[in-house]
Each structure stands twice: as C-alpha cells, then as structure tokens.
C-alpha cells in the first residue's frame, strides 16, 4: 500500500490535501493544511462524494466521477475519486489567486497514478 501524496504540495497555490476513505470518512494520508482542518474537510467531503454518486444513480447515468470542483471566493477545492479504488478520494485545497486549475488537475492525476490502495 502506497499513500504518499506529498507530490500534491508542488501545485501552485497549494494549501493542503488528504487521501480519504469515503466509506468511513477517515483520512488515510495528509499533506499541508495549516489552518485548514484536513480531517474535518475529508469527513465533510465524504458527504459531497456520496451525494454526487446518489445523484448519478438517481438520474440513471451510466457514468463515474472524474473530479468534483468546488469554487469558493478565495479557494478551489478539488475532489478526485481514485480510478482504481473509487471509494477512496483525493481532496486538495488551493488558493484561488495562485492556482492554475488545469495544471492542478494534471498534478492530482499524476499523484493518483503513484498510489496503490
């Protein structure tokens, strides 16, 4: 099992990130965070992932989540379920002024490929 998410800290505007098991809401790894409570954010975003999966099912869509973007006034929050383990997701918080969202998505996917759960 490899849960090293330190590569996420290379993203411009990086605030913090964590790897979360959406079945339990428990954090499996974290990086950064500062004033941001990553454990609370991980648990709260478990509900976001569950709600989106429920909506996909309710709408009868034969699809999966690539990522979920939440745009706040000062931050981007990016949630990406792992392709190989969809019950686990990466959560990344970025400073909106300093982040390049396209490059952030590329780096999150790159880090995802290094994980094995």
PDB file of N, CA and C in Angstrom:
ATOM      1  N   UNK A   1       0.847  -1.178   0.000  1.00  0.00           N
ATOM      2  CA  UNK A   1       0.000   0.000   0.000  1.00  0.00           C
ATOM      3  C   UNK A   1       0.891   1.239   0.000  1.00  0.00           C
ATOM      4  N   UNK A   2       0.628   2.157  -0.925  1.00  0.00           N
ATOM      5  CA  UNK A   2       1.389   3.402  -1.012  1.00  0.00           C
ATOM      6  C   UNK A   2       0.426   4.574  -0.985  1.00  0.00           C
ATOM      7  N   UNK A   3       0.570   5.421   0.028  1.00  0.00           N
ATOM      8  CA  UNK A   3      -0.348   6.557   0.184  1.00  0.00           C
ATOM      9  C   UNK A   3       0.398   7.887   0.239  1.00  0.00           C
ATOM     10  N   UNK A   4       1.551   7.969  -0.414  1.00  0.00           N
ATOM     11  CA  UNK A   4       2.350   9.194  -0.408  1.00  0.00           C
ATOM     12  C   UNK A   4       1.725  10.237  -1.331  1.00  0.00           C
ATOM     13  N   UNK A   5       1.184  11.286  -0.747  1.00  0.00           N
ATOM     14  CA  UNK A   5       0.554  12.348  -1.541  1.00  0.00           C
ATOM     15  C   UNK A   5       1.383  13.632  -1.515  1.00  0.00           C
ATOM     16  N   UNK A   6       2.642  13.536  -1.107  1.00  0.00           N
ATOM     17  CA  UNK A   6       3.486  14.726  -0.974  1.00  0.00           C
ATOM     18  C   UNK A   6       3.661  15.480  -2.290  1.00  0.00           C
ATOM     19  N   UNK A   7       3.521  14.798  -3.425  1.00  0.00           N
ATOM     20  CA  UNK A   7       3.639  15.457  -4.729  1.00  0.00           C
ATOM     21  C   UNK A   7       2.582  16.519  -4.963  1.00  0.00           C
ATOM     22  N   UNK A   8       1.510  16.479  -4.202  1.00  0.00           N
ATOM     23  CA  UNK A   8       0.455  17.488  -4.355  1.00  0.00           C
ATOM     24  C   UNK A   8       0.915  18.860  -3.881  1.00  0.00           C
ATOM     25  N   UNK A   9       1.896  18.888  -2.985  1.00  0.00           N
ATOM     26  CA  UNK A   9       2.373  20.176  -2.462  1.00  0.00           C
ATOM     27  C   UNK A   9       3.097  20.997  -3.530  1.00  0.00           C
ATOM     28  N   UNK A  10       3.415  20.386  -4.663  1.00  0.00           N
ATOM     29  CA  UNK A  10       4.070  21.097  -5.765  1.00  0.00           C
ATOM     30  C   UNK A  10       3.084  21.930  -6.585  1.00  0.00           C
ATOM     31  N   UNK A  11       1.801  21.769  -6.334  1.00  0.00           N
ATOM     32  CA  UNK A  11       0.778  22.518  -7.082  1.00  0.00           C
ATOM     33  C   UNK A  11       0.805  23.982  -6.647  1.00  0.00           C
ATOM     34  N   UNK A  12       0.812  24.895  -7.607  1.00  0.00           N
ATOM     35  CA  UNK A  12       0.759  26.318  -7.295  1.00  0.00           C
ATOM     36  C   UNK A  12      -0.476  26.650  -6.471  1.00  0.00           C
ATOM     37  N   UNK A  13      -0.300  27.415  -5.407  1.00  0.00           N
ATOM     38  CA  UNK A  13      -1.419  27.803  -4.560  1.00  0.00           C
ATOM     39  C   UNK A  13      -1.833  26.739  -3.558  1.00  0.00           C
ATOM     40  N   UNK A  14      -1.010  25.689  -3.410  1.00  0.00           N
ATOM     41  CA  UNK A  14      -1.348  24.575  -2.525  1.00  0.00           C
ATOM     42  C   UNK A  14      -1.566  25.041  -1.088  1.00  0.00           C
ATOM     43  N   UNK A  15      -2.678  24.600  -0.509  1.00  0.00           N
ATOM     44  CA  UNK A  15      -2.971  24.854   0.904  1.00  0.00           C
ATOM     45  C   UNK A  15      -2.845  23.554   1.693  1.00  0.00           C
ATOM     46  N   UNK A  16      -3.520  22.522   1.219  1.00  0.00           N
ATOM     47  CA  UNK A  16      -3.488  21.245   1.913  1.00  0.00           C
ATOM     48  C   UNK A  16      -4.199  20.186   1.105  1.00  0.00           C
ATOM     49  N   UNK A  17      -3.943  18.925   1.462  1.00  0.00           N
ATOM     50  CA  UNK A  17      -4.562  17.812   0.741  1.00  0.00           C
ATOM     51  C   UNK A  17      -4.667  16.612   1.669  1.00  0.00           C
ATOM     52  N   UNK A  18      -5.590  15.740   1.346  1.00  0.00           N
ATOM     53  CA  UNK A  18      -5.675  14.481   2.083  1.00  0.00           C
ATOM     54  C   UNK A  18      -6.256  13.397   1.190  1.00  0.00           C
ATOM     55  N   UNK A  19      -5.982  12.175   1.597  1.00  0.00           N
ATOM     56  CA  UNK A  19      -6.491  10.979   0.949  1.00  0.00           C
ATOM     57  C   UNK A  19      -7.522  10.411   1.914  1.00  0.00           C
ATOM     58  N   UNK A  20      -8.750  10.176   1.424  1.00  0.00           N
ATOM     59  CA  UNK A  20      -9.858   9.838   2.314  1.00  0.00           C
ATOM     60  C   UNK A  20     -10.595   8.593   1.833  1.00  0.00           C
ATOM     61  N   UNK A  21     -10.965   7.743   2.777  1.00  0.00           N
ATOM     62  CA  UNK A  21     -11.816   6.582   2.511  1.00  0.00           C
ATOM     63  C   UNK A  21     -13.258   7.058   2.635  1.00  0.00           C
ATOM     64  N   UNK A  22     -13.985   7.082   1.522  1.00  0.00           N
ATOM     65  CA  UNK A  22     -15.349   7.628   1.533  1.00  0.00           C
ATOM     66  C   UNK A  22     -16.356   6.708   2.222  1.00  0.00           C
ATOM     67  N   UNK A  23     -15.988   5.461   2.460  1.00  0.00           N
ATOM     68  CA  UNK A  23     -16.913   4.569   3.163  1.00  0.00           C
ATOM     69  C   UNK A  23     -16.936   4.875   4.660  1.00  0.00           C
ATOM     70  N   UNK A  24     -15.808   5.345   5.192  1.00  0.00           N
ATOM     71  CA  UNK A  24     -15.728   5.627   6.623  1.00  0.00           C
ATOM     72  C   UNK A  24     -15.533   7.105   6.938  1.00  0.00           C
ATOM     73  N   UNK A  25     -15.074   7.886   5.957  1.00  0.00           N
ATOM     74  CA  UNK A  25     -14.758   9.290   6.188  1.00  0.00           C
ATOM     75  C   UNK A  25     -13.407   9.494   6.845  1.00  0.00           C
ATOM     76  N   UNK A  26     -12.640   8.407   7.006  1.00  0.00           N
ATOM     77  CA  UNK A  26     -11.346   8.504   7.675  1.00  0.00           C
ATOM     78  C   UNK A  26     -10.233   8.911   6.714  1.00  0.00           C
ATOM     79  N   UNK A  27      -9.356   9.767   7.217  1.00  0.00           N
ATOM     80  CA  UNK A  27      -8.228  10.236   6.437  1.00  0.00           C
ATOM     81  C   UNK A  27      -7.122   9.190   6.467  1.00  0.00           C
ATOM     82  N   UNK A  28      -6.586   8.868   5.299  1.00  0.00           N
ATOM     83  CA  UNK A  28      -5.532   7.858   5.178  1.00  0.00           C
ATOM     84  C   UNK A  28      -4.148   8.492   5.065  1.00  0.00           C
ATOM     85  N   UNK A  29      -4.095   9.744   4.602  1.00  0.00           N
ATOM     86  CA  UNK A  29      -2.832  10.479   4.470  1.00  0.00           C
ATOM     87  C   UNK A  29      -3.173  11.957   4.365  1.00  0.00           C
ATOM     88  N   UNK A  30      -2.219  12.807   4.727  1.00  0.00           N
ATOM     89  CA  UNK A  30      -2.441  14.247   4.595  1.00  0.00           C
ATOM     90  C   UNK A  30      -1.129  14.947   4.300  1.00  0.00           C
ATOM     91  N   UNK A  31      -1.248  16.159   3.794  1.00  0.00           N
ATOM     92  CA  UNK A  31      -0.096  16.985   3.446  1.00  0.00           C
ATOM     93  C   UNK A  31      -0.522  18.442   3.618  1.00  0.00           C
ATOM     94  N   UNK A  32       0.290  19.236   4.316  1.00  0.00           N
ATOM     95  CA  UNK A  32      -0.022  20.649   4.497  1.00  0.00           C
ATOM     96  C   UNK A  32      -1.246  20.851   5.365  1.00  0.00           C
ATOM     97  N   UNK A  33      -1.977  21.905   5.070  1.00  0.00           N
ATOM     98  CA  UNK A  33      -3.219  22.177   5.788  1.00  0.00           C
ATOM     99  C   UNK A  33      -3.211  23.490   6.528  1.00  0.00           C
ATOM    100  N   UNK A  34      -2.169  23.729   7.332  1.00  0.00           N
ATOM    101  CA  UNK A  34      -2.116  24.970   8.101  1.00  0.00           C
ATOM    102  C   UNK A  34      -3.359  25.135   8.957  1.00  0.00           C
ATOM    103  N   UNK A  35      -4.094  26.213   8.721  1.00  0.00           N
ATOM    104  CA  UNK A  35      -5.316  26.495   9.482  1.00  0.00           C
ATOM    105  C   UNK A  35      -6.493  25.633   9.038  1.00  0.00           C
ATOM    106  N   UNK A  36      -6.369  24.983   7.888  1.00  0.00           N
ATOM    107  CA  UNK A  36      -7.446  24.141   7.369  1.00  0.00           C
ATOM    108  C   UNK A  36      -7.419  22.781   8.066  1.00  0.00           C
ATOM    109  N   UNK A  37      -8.508  22.427   8.716  1.00  0.00           N
ATOM    110  CA  UNK A  37      -8.625  21.139   9.408  1.00  0.00           C
ATOM    111  C   UNK A  37      -8.901  20.067   8.355  1.00  0.00           C
ATOM    112  N   UNK A  38      -7.847  19.379   7.930  1.00  0.00           N
ATOM    113  CA  UNK A  38      -7.976  18.401   6.855  1.00  0.00           C
ATOM    114  C   UNK A  38      -8.822  17.200   7.251  1.00  0.00           C
ATOM    115  N   UNK A  39      -8.769  16.808   8.515  1.00  0.00           N
ATOM    116  CA  UNK A  39      -9.610  15.686   8.951  1.00  0.00           C
ATOM    117  C   UNK A  39     -11.086  16.032   8.817  1.00  0.00           C
ATOM    118  N   UNK A  40     -11.462  17.224   9.244  1.00  0.00           N
ATOM    119  CA  UNK A  40     -12.857  17.664   9.133  1.00  0.00           C
ATOM    120  C   UNK A  40     -13.249  17.831   7.665  1.00  0.00           C
ATOM    121  N   UNK A  41     -12.340  18.396   6.864  1.00  0.00           N
ATOM    122  CA  UNK A  41     -12.626  18.594   5.440  1.00  0.00           C
ATOM    123  C   UNK A  41     -12.814  17.256   4.739  1.00  0.00           C
ATOM    124  N   UNK A  42     -11.965  16.290   5.052  1.00  0.00           N
ATOM    125  CA  UNK A  42     -12.080  14.964   4.450  1.00  0.00           C
ATOM    126  C   UNK A  42     -13.405  14.314   4.791  1.00  0.00           C
ATOM    127  N   UNK A  43     -13.781  14.376   6.071  1.00  0.00           N
ATOM    128  CA  UNK A  43     -15.046  13.781   6.506  1.00  0.00           C
ATOM    129  C   UNK A  43     -16.236  14.484   5.847  1.00  0.00           C
ATOM    130  N   UNK A  44     -16.203  15.814   5.785  1.00  0.00           N
ATOM    131  CA  UNK A  44     -17.302  16.567   5.178  1.00  0.00           C
ATOM    132  C   UNK A  44     -17.417  16.284   3.684  1.00  0.00           C
ATOM    133  N   UNK A  45     -16.278  16.173   3.012  1.00  0.00           N
ATOM    134  CA  UNK A  45     -16.317  15.931   1.573  1.00  0.00           C
ATOM    135  C   UNK A  45     -16.700  14.506   1.226  1.00  0.00           C
ATOM    136  N   UNK A  46     -16.659  13.616   2.196  1.00  0.00           N
ATOM    137  CA  UNK A  46     -17.209  12.276   2.007  1.00  0.00           C
ATOM    138  C   UNK A  46     -18.690  12.389   1.669  1.00  0.00           C
ATOM    139  N   UNK A  47     -19.375  13.305   2.348  1.00  0.00           N
ATOM    140  CA  UNK A  47     -20.804  13.520   2.084  1.00  0.00           C
ATOM    141  C   UNK A  47     -21.032  14.095   0.688  1.00  0.00           C
ATOM    142  N   UNK A  48     -20.124  14.949   0.225  1.00  0.00           N
ATOM    143  CA  UNK A  48     -20.223  15.514  -1.125  1.00  0.00           C
ATOM    144  C   UNK A  48     -20.125  14.395  -2.161  1.00  0.00           C
ATOM    145  N   UNK A  49     -19.145  13.512  -1.991  1.00  0.00           N
ATOM    146  CA  UNK A  49     -18.959  12.402  -2.927  1.00  0.00           C
ATOM    147  C   UNK A  49     -20.179  11.484  -2.915  1.00  0.00           C
ATOM    148  N   UNK A  50     -20.662  11.143  -1.728  1.00  0.00           N
ATOM    149  CA  UNK A  50     -21.836  10.271  -1.626  1.00  0.00           C
ATOM    150  C   UNK A  50     -23.057  10.910  -2.287  1.00  0.00           C
ATOM    151  N   UNK A  51     -23.239  12.219  -2.104  1.00  0.00           N
ATOM    152  CA  UNK A  51     -24.380  12.916  -2.709  1.00  0.00           C
ATOM    153  C   UNK A  51     -24.281  12.891  -4.230  1.00  0.00           C
ATOM    154  N   UNK A  52     -23.092  13.095  -4.773  1.00  0.00           N
ATOM    155  CA  UNK A  52     -22.927  13.086  -6.233  1.00  0.00           C
ATOM    156  C   UNK A  52     -23.154  11.693  -6.796  1.00  0.00           C
ATOM    157  N   UNK A  53     -22.652  10.673  -6.110  1.00  0.00           N
ATOM    158  CA  UNK A  53     -22.883   9.301  -6.562  1.00  0.00           C
ATOM    159  C   UNK A  53     -24.371   8.964  -6.529  1.00  0.00           C
ATOM    160  N   UNK A  54     -25.061   9.438  -5.512  1.00  0.00           N
ATOM    161  CA  UNK A  54     -26.501   9.222  -5.399  1.00  0.00           C
ATOM    162  C   UNK A  54     -27.242   9.920  -6.540  1.00  0.00           C
ATOM    163  N   UNK A  55     -26.824  11.130  -6.870  1.00  0.00           N
ATOM    164  CA  UNK A  55     -27.454  11.870  -7.968  1.00  0.00           C
ATOM    165  C   UNK A  55     -27.232  11.165  -9.302  1.00  0.00           C
ATOM    166  N   UNK A  56     -26.037  10.648  -9.522  1.00  0.00           N
ATOM    167  CA  UNK A  56     -25.745   9.913 -10.759  1.00  0.00           C
ATOM    168  C   UNK A  56     -26.661   8.699 -10.870  1.00  0.00           C
ATOM    169  N   UNK A  57     -26.805   7.982  -9.753  1.00  0.00           N
ATOM    170  CA  UNK A  57     -27.667   6.802  -9.743  1.00  0.00           C
ATOM    171  C   UNK A  57     -29.135   7.183  -9.958  1.00  0.00           C
ATOM    172  N   UNK A  58     -29.599   8.227  -9.261  1.00  0.00           N
ATOM    173  CA  UNK A  58     -30.985   8.668  -9.376  1.00  0.00           C
ATOM    174  C   UNK A  58     -31.333   9.083 -10.812  1.00  0.00           C
ATOM    175  N   UNK A  59     -30.382   9.696 -11.490  1.00  0.00           N
ATOM    176  CA  UNK A  59     -30.595  10.146 -12.864  1.00  0.00           C
ATOM    177  C   UNK A  59     -30.406   9.025 -13.885  1.00  0.00           C
ATOM    178  N   UNK A  60     -30.003   7.868 -13.413  1.00  0.00           N
ATOM    179  CA  UNK A  60     -29.818   6.735 -14.309  1.00  0.00           C
ATOM    180  C   UNK A  60     -28.654   6.900 -15.259  1.00  0.00           C
ATOM    181  N   UNK A  61     -27.652   7.651 -14.833  1.00  0.00           N
ATOM    182  CA  UNK A  61     -26.487   7.871 -15.686  1.00  0.00           C
ATOM    183  C   UNK A  61     -25.516   6.709 -15.557  1.00  0.00           C
ATOM    184  N   UNK A  62     -25.051   6.215 -16.668  1.00  0.00           N
ATOM    185  CA  UNK A  62     -24.042   5.158 -16.671  1.00  0.00           C
ATOM    186  C   UNK A  62     -22.690   5.851 -16.762  1.00  0.00           C
ATOM    187  N   UNK A  63     -22.230   6.392 -15.636  1.00  0.00           N
ATOM    188  CA  UNK A  63     -21.029   7.215 -15.659  1.00  0.00           C
ATOM    189  C   UNK A  63     -20.368   7.186 -14.284  1.00  0.00           C
ATOM    190  N   UNK A  64     -19.205   7.793 -14.192  1.00  0.00           N
ATOM    191  CA  UNK A  64     -18.487   7.880 -12.925  1.00  0.00           C
ATOM    192  C   UNK A  64     -17.949   9.303 -12.766  1.00  0.00           C
ATOM    193  N   UNK A  65     -17.461   9.605 -11.575  1.00  0.00           N
ATOM    194  CA  UNK A  65     -16.924  10.938 -11.283  1.00  0.00           C
ATOM    195  C   UNK A  65     -15.446  10.987 -11.654  1.00  0.00           C
ATOM    196  N   UNK A  66     -15.066  11.943 -12.504  1.00  0.00           N
ATOM    197  CA  UNK A  66     -13.639  12.208 -12.734  1.00  0.00           C
ATOM    198  C   UNK A  66     -13.129  13.067 -11.585  1.00  0.00           C
ATOM    199  N   UNK A  67     -13.767  14.202 -11.391  1.00  0.00           N
ATOM    200  CA  UNK A  67     -13.465  15.043 -10.243  1.00  0.00           C
ATOM    201  C   UNK A  67     -14.631  15.970  -9.963  1.00  0.00           C
ATOM    202  N   UNK A  68     -14.612  16.538  -8.786  1.00  0.00           N
ATOM    203  CA  UNK A  68     -15.630  17.497  -8.361  1.00  0.00           C
ATOM    204  C   UNK A  68     -14.875  18.759  -7.984  1.00  0.00           C
ATOM    205  N   UNK A  69     -15.306  19.891  -8.528  1.00  0.00           N
ATOM    206  CA  UNK A  69     -14.670  21.168  -8.229  1.00  0.00           C
ATOM    207  C   UNK A  69     -15.650  22.036  -7.450  1.00  0.00           C
ATOM    208  N   UNK A  70     -15.188  22.542  -6.321  1.00  0.00           N
ATOM    209  CA  UNK A  70     -15.967  23.493  -5.539  1.00  0.00           C
ATOM    210  C   UNK A  70     -15.186  24.793  -5.552  1.00  0.00           C
ATOM    211  N   UNK A  71     -15.800  25.834  -6.065  1.00  0.00           N
ATOM    212  CA  UNK A  71     -15.139  27.130  -6.162  1.00  0.00           C
ATOM    213  C   UNK A  71     -15.695  28.046  -5.086  1.00  0.00           C
ATOM    214  N   UNK A  72     -14.831  28.466  -4.185  1.00  0.00           N
ATOM    215  CA  UNK A  72     -15.193  29.409  -3.134  1.00  0.00           C
ATOM    216  C   UNK A  72     -14.659  30.782  -3.530  1.00  0.00           C
ATOM    217  N   UNK A  73     -14.916  31.778  -2.735  1.00  0.00           N
ATOM    218  CA  UNK A  73     -14.434  33.125  -3.026  1.00  0.00           C
ATOM    219  C   UNK A  73     -12.927  33.212  -3.111  1.00  0.00           C
ATOM    220  N   UNK A  74     -12.227  32.495  -2.210  1.00  0.00           N
ATOM    221  CA  UNK A  74     -10.768  32.587  -2.152  1.00  0.00           C
ATOM    222  C   UNK A  74     -10.050  31.272  -2.420  1.00  0.00           C
ATOM    223  N   UNK A  75     -10.812  30.189  -2.581  1.00  0.00           N
ATOM    224  CA  UNK A  75     -10.180  28.878  -2.726  1.00  0.00           C
ATOM    225  C   UNK A  75     -10.872  28.009  -3.769  1.00  0.00           C
ATOM    226  N   UNK A  76     -10.102  27.067  -4.301  1.00  0.00           N
ATOM    227  CA  UNK A  76     -10.634  25.948  -5.079  1.00  0.00           C
ATOM    228  C   UNK A  76     -10.513  24.713  -4.198  1.00  0.00           C
ATOM    229  N   UNK A  77     -11.534  23.875  -4.210  1.00  0.00           N
ATOM    230  CA  UNK A  77     -11.465  22.580  -3.546  1.00  0.00           C
ATOM    231  C   UNK A  77     -11.718  21.535  -4.615  1.00  0.00           C
ATOM    232  N   UNK A  78     -10.758  20.661  -4.807  1.00  0.00           N
ATOM    233  CA  UNK A  78     -10.809  19.647  -5.850  1.00  0.00           C
ATOM    234  C   UNK A  78     -10.902  18.276  -5.196  1.00  0.00           C
ATOM    235  N   UNK A  79     -11.895  17.494  -5.613  1.00  0.00           N
ATOM    236  CA  UNK A  79     -12.110  16.151  -5.084  1.00  0.00           C
ATOM    237  C   UNK A  79     -12.004  15.189  -6.255  1.00  0.00           C
ATOM    238  N   UNK A  80     -11.138  14.189  -6.119  1.00  0.00           N
ATOM    239  CA  UNK A  80     -10.947  13.224  -7.198  1.00  0.00           C
ATOM    240  C   UNK A  80     -10.964  11.795  -6.652  1.00  0.00           C
ATOM    241  N   UNK A  81     -12.067  11.051  -6.909  1.00  0.00           N
ATOM    242  CA  UNK A  81     -12.063   9.631  -6.542  1.00  0.00           C
ATOM    243  C   UNK A  81     -10.999   8.897  -7.356  1.00  0.00           C
ATOM    244  N   UNK A  82     -10.329   7.939  -6.719  1.00  0.00           N
ATOM    245  CA  UNK A  82      -9.281   7.193  -7.411  1.00  0.00           C
ATOM    246  C   UNK A  82      -9.902   6.251  -8.429  1.00  0.00           C
ATOM    247  N   UNK A  83      -9.325   6.234  -9.613  1.00  0.00           N
ATOM    248  CA  UNK A  83      -9.836   5.393 -10.691  1.00  0.00           C
ATOM    249  C   UNK A  83      -9.824   3.912 -10.295  1.00  0.00           C
ATOM    250  N   UNK A  84      -8.735   3.467  -9.657  1.00  0.00           N
ATOM    251  CA  UNK A  84      -8.598   2.054  -9.302  1.00  0.00           C
ATOM    252  C   UNK A  84      -9.315   1.688  -8.004  1.00  0.00           C
ATOM    253  N   UNK A  85      -9.604   2.679  -7.164  1.00  0.00           N
ATOM    254  CA  UNK A  85     -10.292   2.463  -5.884  1.00  0.00           C
ATOM    255  C   UNK A  85     -11.287   3.595  -5.678  1.00  0.00           C
ATOM    256  N   UNK A  86     -12.438   3.558  -6.366  1.00  0.00           N
ATOM    257  CA  UNK A  86     -13.369   4.691  -6.349  1.00  0.00           C
ATOM    258  C   UNK A  86     -13.951   5.055  -4.981  1.00  0.00           C
ATOM    259  N   UNK A  87     -13.792   4.192  -3.982  1.00  0.00           N
ATOM    260  CA  UNK A  87     -14.279   4.538  -2.649  1.00  0.00           C
ATOM    261  C   UNK A  87     -13.270   5.395  -1.880  1.00  0.00           C
ATOM    262  N   UNK A  88     -12.111   5.634  -2.481  1.00  0.00           N
ATOM    263  CA  UNK A  88     -11.083   6.488  -1.889  1.00  0.00           C
ATOM    264  C   UNK A  88     -10.928   7.717  -2.782  1.00  0.00           C
ATOM    265  N   UNK A  89     -10.792   8.896  -2.162  1.00  0.00           N
ATOM    266  CA  UNK A  89     -10.630  10.097  -2.977  1.00  0.00           C
ATOM    267  C   UNK A  89      -9.522  10.991  -2.452  1.00  0.00           C
ATOM    268  N   UNK A  90      -8.982  11.784  -3.382  1.00  0.00           N
ATOM    269  CA  UNK A  90      -8.030  12.835  -3.044  1.00  0.00           C
ATOM    270  C   UNK A  90      -8.806  14.129  -2.903  1.00  0.00           C
ATOM    271  N   UNK A  91      -8.489  14.881  -1.869  1.00  0.00           N
ATOM    272  CA  UNK A  91      -9.082  16.206  -1.655  1.00  0.00           C
ATOM    273  C   UNK A  91      -7.932  17.197  -1.611  1.00  0.00           C
ATOM    274  N   UNK A  92      -8.022  18.248  -2.423  1.00  0.00           N
ATOM    275  CA  UNK A  92      -6.961  19.252  -2.486  1.00  0.00           C
ATOM    276  C   UNK A  92      -7.576  20.636  -2.363  1.00  0.00           C
ATOM    277  N   UNK A  93      -7.040  21.444  -1.455  1.00  0.00           N
ATOM    278  CA  UNK A  93      -7.470  22.835  -1.297  1.00  0.00           C
ATOM    279  C   UNK A  93      -6.371  23.737  -1.859  1.00  0.00           C
ATOM    280  N   UNK A  94      -6.790  24.706  -2.681  1.00  0.00           N
ATOM    281  CA  UNK A  94      -5.847  25.604  -3.348  1.00  0.00           C
ATOM    282  C   UNK A  94      -6.260  27.055  -3.161  1.00  0.00           C
ATOM    283  N   UNK A  95      -5.278  27.935  -3.082  1.00  0.00           N
ATOM    284  CA  UNK A  95      -5.538  29.368  -3.057  1.00  0.00           C
ATOM    285  C   UNK A  95      -5.917  29.788  -4.473  1.00  0.00           C
ATOM    286  N   UNK A  96      -7.080  30.372  -4.612  1.00  0.00           N
ATOM    287  CA  UNK A  96      -7.632  30.697  -5.930  1.00  0.00           C
ATOM    288  C   UNK A  96      -6.752  31.674  -6.718  1.00  0.00           C
ATOM    289  N   UNK A  97      -6.138  32.630  -6.028  1.00  0.00           N
ATOM    290  CA  UNK A  97      -5.321  33.633  -6.716  1.00  0.00           C
ATOM    291  C   UNK A  97      -4.027  33.045  -7.289  1.00  0.00           C
ATOM    292  N   UNK A  98      -3.506  32.025  -6.634  1.00  0.00           N
ATOM    293  CA  UNK A  98      -2.195  31.482  -7.029  1.00  0.00           C
ATOM    294  C   UNK A  98      -2.286  30.191  -7.836  1.00  0.00           C
ATOM    295  N   UNK A  99      -3.452  29.581  -7.886  1.00  0.00           N
ATOM    296  CA  UNK A  99      -3.584  28.263  -8.523  1.00  0.00           C
ATOM    297  C   UNK A  99      -3.911  28.369 -10.005  1.00  0.00           C
ATOM    298  N   UNK A 100      -3.395  27.422 -10.755  1.00  0.00           N
ATOM    299  CA  UNK A 100      -3.780  27.210 -12.141  1.00  0.00           C
ATOM    300  C   UNK A 100      -4.565  25.905 -12.133  1.00  0.00           C
ATOM    301  N   UNK A 101      -5.871  25.990 -12.295  1.00  0.00           N
ATOM    302  CA  UNK A 101      -6.737  24.830 -12.121  1.00  0.00           C
ATOM    303  C   UNK A 101      -6.401  23.694 -13.088  1.00  0.00           C
ATOM    304  N   UNK A 102      -6.096  24.016 -14.337  1.00  0.00           N
ATOM    305  CA  UNK A 102      -5.743  22.980 -15.312  1.00  0.00           C
ATOM    306  C   UNK A 102      -4.493  22.222 -14.903  1.00  0.00           C
ATOM    307  N   UNK A 103      -3.475  22.948 -14.481  1.00  0.00           N
ATOM    308  CA  UNK A 103      -2.228  22.314 -14.042  1.00  0.00           C
ATOM    309  C   UNK A 103      -2.449  21.527 -12.748  1.00  0.00           C
ATOM    310  N   UNK A 104      -3.315  22.031 -11.891  1.00  0.00           N
ATOM    311  CA  UNK A 104      -3.618  21.316 -10.648  1.00  0.00           C
ATOM    312  C   UNK A 104      -4.260  19.965 -10.948  1.00  0.00           C
ATOM    313  N   UNK A 105      -5.187  19.941 -11.881  1.00  0.00           N
ATOM    314  CA  UNK A 105      -5.850  18.680 -12.237  1.00  0.00           C
ATOM    315  C   UNK A 105      -4.838  17.682 -12.808  1.00  0.00           C
ATOM    316  N   UNK A 106      -3.898  18.159 -13.606  1.00  0.00           N
ATOM    317  CA  UNK A 106      -2.862  17.293 -14.167  1.00  0.00           C
ATOM    318  C   UNK A 106      -2.001  16.710 -13.044  1.00  0.00           C
ATOM    319  N   UNK A 107      -1.591  17.550 -12.090  1.00  0.00           N
ATOM    320  CA  UNK A 107      -0.737  17.084 -10.994  1.00  0.00           C
ATOM    321  C   UNK A 107      -1.488  16.116 -10.077  1.00  0.00           C
ATOM    322  N   UNK A 108      -2.770  16.370  -9.822  1.00  0.00           N
ATOM    323  CA  UNK A 108      -3.553  15.461  -8.976  1.00  0.00           C
ATOM    324  C   UNK A 108      -3.636  14.085  -9.639  1.00  0.00           C
ATOM    325  N   UNK A 109      -3.879  14.079 -10.943  1.00  0.00           N
ATOM    326  CA  UNK A 109      -3.948  12.800 -11.660  1.00  0.00           C
ATOM    327  C   UNK A 109      -2.598  12.080 -11.632  1.00  0.00           C
ATOM    328  N   UNK A 110      -1.513  12.834 -11.759  1.00  0.00           N
ATOM    329  CA  UNK A 110      -0.172  12.250 -11.729  1.00  0.00           C
ATOM    330  C   UNK A 110       0.098  11.602 -10.360  1.00  0.00           C
ATOM    331  N   UNK A 111      -0.261  12.289  -9.287  1.00  0.00           N
ATOM    332  CA  UNK A 111      -0.070  11.735  -7.945  1.00  0.00           C
ATOM    333  C   UNK A 111      -0.969  10.514  -7.755  1.00  0.00           C
ATOM    334  N   UNK A 112      -2.191  10.581  -8.271  1.00  0.00           N
ATOM    335  CA  UNK A 112      -3.099   9.435  -8.172  1.00  0.00           C
ATOM    336  C   UNK A 112      -2.462   8.170  -8.745  1.00  0.00           C
ATOM    337  N   UNK A 113      -1.754   8.300  -9.853  1.00  0.00           N
ATOM    338  CA  UNK A 113      -1.151   7.149 -10.503  1.00  0.00           C
ATOM    339  C   UNK A 113      -0.033   6.507  -9.684  1.00  0.00           C
ATOM    340  N   UNK A 114       0.495   7.233  -8.696  1.00  0.00           N
ATOM    341  CA  UNK A 114       1.561   6.687  -7.842  1.00  0.00           C
ATOM    342  C   UNK A 114       0.997   5.957  -6.623  1.00  0.00           C
ATOM    343  N   UNK A 115      -0.293   6.079  -6.387  1.00  0.00           N
ATOM    344  CA  UNK A 115      -0.906   5.486  -5.203  1.00  0.00           C
ATOM    345  C   UNK A 115      -1.314   4.042  -5.455  1.00  0.00           C
ATOM    346  N   UNK A 116      -1.224   3.224  -4.430  1.00  0.00           N
ATOM    347  CA  UNK A 116      -1.763   1.879  -4.508  1.00  0.00           C
ATOM    348  C   UNK A 116      -2.452   1.589  -3.180  1.00  0.00           C
ATOM    349  N   UNK A 117      -3.720   1.312  -3.277  1.00  0.00           N
ATOM    350  CA  UNK A 117      -4.555   1.108  -2.084  1.00  0.00           C
ATOM    351  C   UNK A 117      -4.966  -0.354  -2.004  1.00  0.00           C
TER     352      UNK A 117
END
